[in-house]
Amino acid sequence: MKNNKTETKRKIDMQKLLVRIMASILAALMILGIGGTLLFYLIAM
């Protein structure tokens, strides 16, 4: 029983970690996209 509970907790922790990693990657892509757009706008002016 105890082993199963630990496995479930580890699985939940791994899922939370993967969600945070994906959210970080998407946030970084959004920031890079905004930066690229601003840079392009400044060069095109």
N, C-alpha and C. Protein backbone atom coordinates (compact mmCIF):
# COMPACT_ATOMS: atom_id res chain seq x y z
N MET A 1 0.83 -1.20 0.00
CA MET A 1 0.00 0.00 0.00
C MET A 1 0.87 1.26 0.00
N LYS A 2 1.89 1.25 0.88
CA LYS A 2 2.75 2.43 0.99
C LYS A 2 3.54 2.66 -0.30
N ASN A 3 4.02 1.58 -0.92
CA ASN A 3 4.79 1.69 -2.15
C ASN A 3 3.94 2.27 -3.27
N ASN A 4 2.70 1.84 -3.36
CA ASN A 4 1.79 2.33 -4.39
C ASN A 4 1.53 3.82 -4.21
N LYS A 5 1.39 4.27 -2.97
CA LYS A 5 1.15 5.68 -2.69
C LYS A 5 2.36 6.52 -3.11
N THR A 6 3.55 6.02 -2.85
CA THR A 6 4.77 6.73 -3.23
C THR A 6 4.88 6.83 -4.75
N GLU A 7 4.54 5.74 -5.44
CA GLU A 7 4.58 5.74 -6.90
C GLU A 7 3.61 6.76 -7.48
N THR A 8 2.41 6.82 -6.91
CA THR A 8 1.40 7.77 -7.39
C THR A 8 1.88 9.19 -7.15
N LYS A 9 2.46 9.45 -5.98
CA LYS A 9 2.95 10.79 -5.66
C LYS A 9 4.08 11.18 -6.62
N ARG A 10 4.97 10.25 -6.90
CA ARG A 10 6.08 10.52 -7.82
C ARG A 10 5.55 10.83 -9.23
N LYS A 11 4.51 10.09 -9.65
CA LYS A 11 3.92 10.31 -10.96
C LYS A 11 3.29 11.70 -11.04
N ILE A 12 2.61 12.12 -9.98
CA ILE A 12 1.99 13.45 -9.94
C ILE A 12 3.08 14.52 -9.97
N ASP A 13 4.16 14.32 -9.21
CA ASP A 13 5.26 15.28 -9.21
C ASP A 13 5.87 15.39 -10.59
N MET A 14 6.02 14.27 -11.29
CA MET A 14 6.59 14.28 -12.62
C MET A 14 5.68 15.03 -13.59
N GLN A 15 4.37 14.83 -13.46
CA GLN A 15 3.42 15.53 -14.32
C GLN A 15 3.49 17.04 -14.07
N LYS A 16 3.56 17.45 -12.80
CA LYS A 16 3.67 18.87 -12.47
C LYS A 16 4.95 19.46 -13.06
N LEU A 17 6.04 18.70 -12.97
CA LEU A 17 7.32 19.16 -13.50
C LEU A 17 7.23 19.34 -15.02
N LEU A 18 6.64 18.38 -15.71
CA LEU A 18 6.52 18.48 -17.16
C LEU A 18 5.64 19.66 -17.56
N VAL A 19 4.57 19.91 -16.80
CA VAL A 19 3.68 21.04 -17.10
C VAL A 19 4.44 22.34 -16.92
N ARG A 20 5.25 22.44 -15.86
CA ARG A 20 6.02 23.66 -15.63
C ARG A 20 7.06 23.88 -16.72
N ILE A 21 7.70 22.79 -17.17
CA ILE A 21 8.70 22.91 -18.24
C ILE A 21 8.03 23.38 -19.52
N MET A 22 6.88 22.79 -19.86
CA MET A 22 6.17 23.20 -21.08
C MET A 22 5.72 24.65 -20.98
N ALA A 23 5.22 25.06 -19.81
CA ALA A 23 4.78 26.44 -19.63
C ALA A 23 5.96 27.40 -19.78
N SER A 24 7.11 27.02 -19.26
CA SER A 24 8.31 27.86 -19.38
C SER A 24 8.73 28.00 -20.83
N ILE A 25 8.70 26.89 -21.57
CA ILE A 25 9.08 26.93 -22.98
C ILE A 25 8.13 27.83 -23.77
N LEU A 26 6.82 27.70 -23.50
CA LEU A 26 5.85 28.52 -24.22
C LEU A 26 6.00 30.00 -23.86
N ALA A 27 6.28 30.30 -22.58
CA ALA A 27 6.49 31.69 -22.17
C ALA A 27 7.72 32.27 -22.86
N ALA A 28 8.79 31.47 -22.94
CA ALA A 28 10.01 31.94 -23.61
C ALA A 28 9.74 32.19 -25.09
N LEU A 29 8.97 31.32 -25.74
CA LEU A 29 8.64 31.53 -27.15
C LEU A 29 7.81 32.79 -27.35
N MET A 30 6.89 33.06 -26.43
CA MET A 30 6.08 34.28 -26.54
C MET A 30 6.96 35.52 -26.41
N ILE A 31 7.88 35.48 -25.45
CA ILE A 31 8.77 36.63 -25.24
C ILE A 31 9.68 36.83 -26.47
N LEU A 32 10.21 35.73 -26.99
CA LEU A 32 11.04 35.84 -28.20
C LEU A 32 10.24 36.36 -29.39
N GLY A 33 9.00 35.93 -29.50
CA GLY A 33 8.14 36.40 -30.58
C GLY A 33 7.88 37.90 -30.48
N ILE A 34 7.59 38.36 -29.28
CA ILE A 34 7.36 39.80 -29.07
C ILE A 34 8.64 40.58 -29.36
N GLY A 35 9.77 40.08 -28.87
CA GLY A 35 11.04 40.75 -29.11
C GLY A 35 11.37 40.81 -30.59
N GLY A 36 11.15 39.72 -31.29
CA GLY A 36 11.41 39.68 -32.72
C GLY A 36 10.51 40.64 -33.48
N THR A 37 9.25 40.69 -33.09
CA THR A 37 8.32 41.61 -33.74
C THR A 37 8.74 43.06 -33.53
N LEU A 38 9.11 43.40 -32.30
CA LEU A 38 9.56 44.77 -32.01
C LEU A 38 10.82 45.11 -32.78
N LEU A 39 11.75 44.17 -32.83
CA LEU A 39 13.00 44.40 -33.56
C LEU A 39 12.72 44.62 -35.05
N PHE A 40 11.86 43.76 -35.62
CA PHE A 40 11.50 43.92 -37.03
C PHE A 40 10.84 45.26 -37.28
N TYR A 41 9.97 45.67 -36.37
CA TYR A 41 9.27 46.96 -36.50
C TYR A 41 10.26 48.11 -36.48
N LEU A 42 11.23 48.04 -35.55
CA LEU A 42 12.22 49.12 -35.45
C LEU A 42 13.11 49.18 -36.68
N ILE A 43 13.49 48.03 -37.23
CA ILE A 43 14.34 48.00 -38.42
C ILE A 43 13.55 48.51 -39.63
N ALA A 44 12.29 48.14 -39.73
CA ALA A 44 11.47 48.49 -40.89
C ALA A 44 11.08 49.98 -40.90
N MET A 45 11.17 50.63 -39.77
CA MET A 45 10.75 52.04 -39.70
C MET A 45 11.59 52.92 -40.55
